Amino acid sequence: VERVANMLNYFLLQLVGPQRRALSLKDPEKYEFRPKKLLKQ
């Protein structure tokens, strides 16, 4: 359980932390990549 929690925390930090600008897609709509919507769920 702890390992899964650590992975989720890491993923969330990648979406909203200082390194979030490193995540970029040429066509985010193609992959339905909407990090703000994901965080609101």
N, C-alpha and C. Protein backbone atom coordinates (compact mmCIF):
# COMPACT_ATOMS: atom_id res chain seq x y z
N VAL A 1 0.83 -1.19 0.00
CA VAL A 1 0.00 0.00 0.00
C VAL A 1 0.87 1.25 0.00
N GLU A 2 1.93 1.22 0.78
CA GLU A 2 2.81 2.39 0.86
C GLU A 2 3.46 2.69 -0.48
N ARG A 3 3.82 1.66 -1.21
CA ARG A 3 4.47 1.85 -2.51
C ARG A 3 3.51 2.52 -3.50
N VAL A 4 2.26 2.10 -3.50
CA VAL A 4 1.26 2.70 -4.39
C VAL A 4 1.03 4.16 -4.00
N ALA A 5 0.94 4.43 -2.71
CA ALA A 5 0.76 5.80 -2.23
C ALA A 5 1.93 6.68 -2.66
N ASN A 6 3.14 6.16 -2.57
CA ASN A 6 4.32 6.92 -2.99
C ASN A 6 4.29 7.20 -4.49
N MET A 7 3.85 6.23 -5.28
CA MET A 7 3.77 6.44 -6.73
C MET A 7 2.72 7.50 -7.07
N LEU A 8 1.58 7.47 -6.37
CA LEU A 8 0.54 8.47 -6.62
C LEU A 8 1.02 9.86 -6.22
N ASN A 9 1.70 9.96 -5.10
CA ASN A 9 2.24 11.25 -4.67
C ASN A 9 3.24 11.78 -5.69
N TYR A 10 4.08 10.92 -6.21
CA TYR A 10 5.06 11.33 -7.22
C TYR A 10 4.34 11.84 -8.47
N PHE A 11 3.32 11.10 -8.91
CA PHE A 11 2.57 11.49 -10.10
C PHE A 11 1.91 12.85 -9.91
N LEU A 12 1.29 13.05 -8.75
CA LEU A 12 0.65 14.34 -8.49
C LEU A 12 1.66 15.48 -8.45
N LEU A 13 2.81 15.23 -7.86
CA LEU A 13 3.85 16.27 -7.85
C LEU A 13 4.31 16.62 -9.26
N GLN A 14 4.36 15.64 -10.14
CA GLN A 14 4.76 15.90 -11.52
C GLN A 14 3.71 16.75 -12.23
N LEU A 15 2.44 16.58 -11.89
CA LEU A 15 1.37 17.35 -12.52
C LEU A 15 1.27 18.77 -12.01
N VAL A 16 1.52 18.99 -10.74
CA VAL A 16 1.29 20.31 -10.15
C VAL A 16 2.53 20.96 -9.56
N GLY A 17 3.62 20.24 -9.45
CA GLY A 17 4.83 20.77 -8.83
C GLY A 17 5.64 21.64 -9.78
N PRO A 18 6.81 22.04 -9.33
CA PRO A 18 7.66 22.93 -10.12
C PRO A 18 8.10 22.33 -11.46
N GLN A 19 8.12 21.01 -11.57
CA GLN A 19 8.57 20.35 -12.80
C GLN A 19 7.44 20.17 -13.81
N ARG A 20 6.24 20.71 -13.53
CA ARG A 20 5.09 20.47 -14.41
C ARG A 20 5.30 20.98 -15.83
N ARG A 21 6.13 21.97 -15.99
CA ARG A 21 6.39 22.53 -17.33
C ARG A 21 7.14 21.54 -18.22
N ALA A 22 7.79 20.56 -17.61
CA ALA A 22 8.52 19.56 -18.39
C ALA A 22 7.57 18.61 -19.10
N LEU A 23 6.33 18.54 -18.65
CA LEU A 23 5.33 17.69 -19.31
C LEU A 23 4.70 18.47 -20.45
N SER A 24 4.96 18.04 -21.64
CA SER A 24 4.35 18.72 -22.77
C SER A 24 4.04 17.71 -23.87
N LEU A 25 2.96 17.98 -24.55
CA LEU A 25 2.54 17.15 -25.67
C LEU A 25 2.31 18.06 -26.86
N LYS A 26 2.59 17.56 -28.04
CA LYS A 26 2.33 18.35 -29.23
C LYS A 26 0.83 18.55 -29.43
N ASP A 27 0.05 17.52 -29.14
CA ASP A 27 -1.40 17.59 -29.32
C ASP A 27 -2.10 16.99 -28.09
N PRO A 28 -2.22 17.77 -27.00
CA PRO A 28 -2.80 17.22 -25.78
C PRO A 28 -4.24 16.75 -25.95
N GLU A 29 -4.99 17.37 -26.83
CA GLU A 29 -6.38 16.96 -27.03
C GLU A 29 -6.47 15.55 -27.61
N LYS A 30 -5.50 15.17 -28.39
CA LYS A 30 -5.49 13.83 -28.98
C LYS A 30 -5.48 12.76 -27.88
N TYR A 31 -4.77 13.05 -26.80
CA TYR A 31 -4.66 12.11 -25.69
C TYR A 31 -5.60 12.46 -24.53
N GLU A 32 -6.42 13.48 -24.74
CA GLU A 32 -7.33 13.98 -23.71
C GLU A 32 -6.57 14.29 -22.42
N PHE A 33 -5.41 14.93 -22.57
CA PHE A 33 -4.56 15.28 -21.43
C PHE A 33 -5.04 16.61 -20.86
N ARG A 34 -5.74 16.54 -19.74
CA ARG A 34 -6.25 17.72 -19.07
C ARG A 34 -5.91 17.61 -17.58
N PRO A 35 -4.70 18.01 -17.20
CA PRO A 35 -4.27 17.82 -15.81
C PRO A 35 -5.16 18.53 -14.79
N LYS A 36 -5.66 19.72 -15.11
CA LYS A 36 -6.52 20.42 -14.15
C LYS A 36 -7.80 19.64 -13.90
N LYS A 37 -8.39 19.10 -14.95
CA LYS A 37 -9.61 18.31 -14.79
C LYS A 37 -9.32 17.04 -13.99
N LEU A 38 -8.18 16.43 -14.24
CA LEU A 38 -7.79 15.22 -13.51
C LEU A 38 -7.68 15.49 -12.01
N LEU A 39 -7.12 16.64 -11.66
CA LEU A 39 -6.94 16.96 -10.24
C LEU A 39 -8.26 17.31 -9.55
N LYS A 40 -9.25 17.76 -10.31
CA LYS A 40 -10.55 18.10 -9.72
C LYS A 40 -11.38 16.87 -9.43
N GLN A 41 -11.07 15.75 -10.05
CA GLN A 41 -11.87 14.54 -9.87
C GLN A 41 -11.66 13.93 -8.52
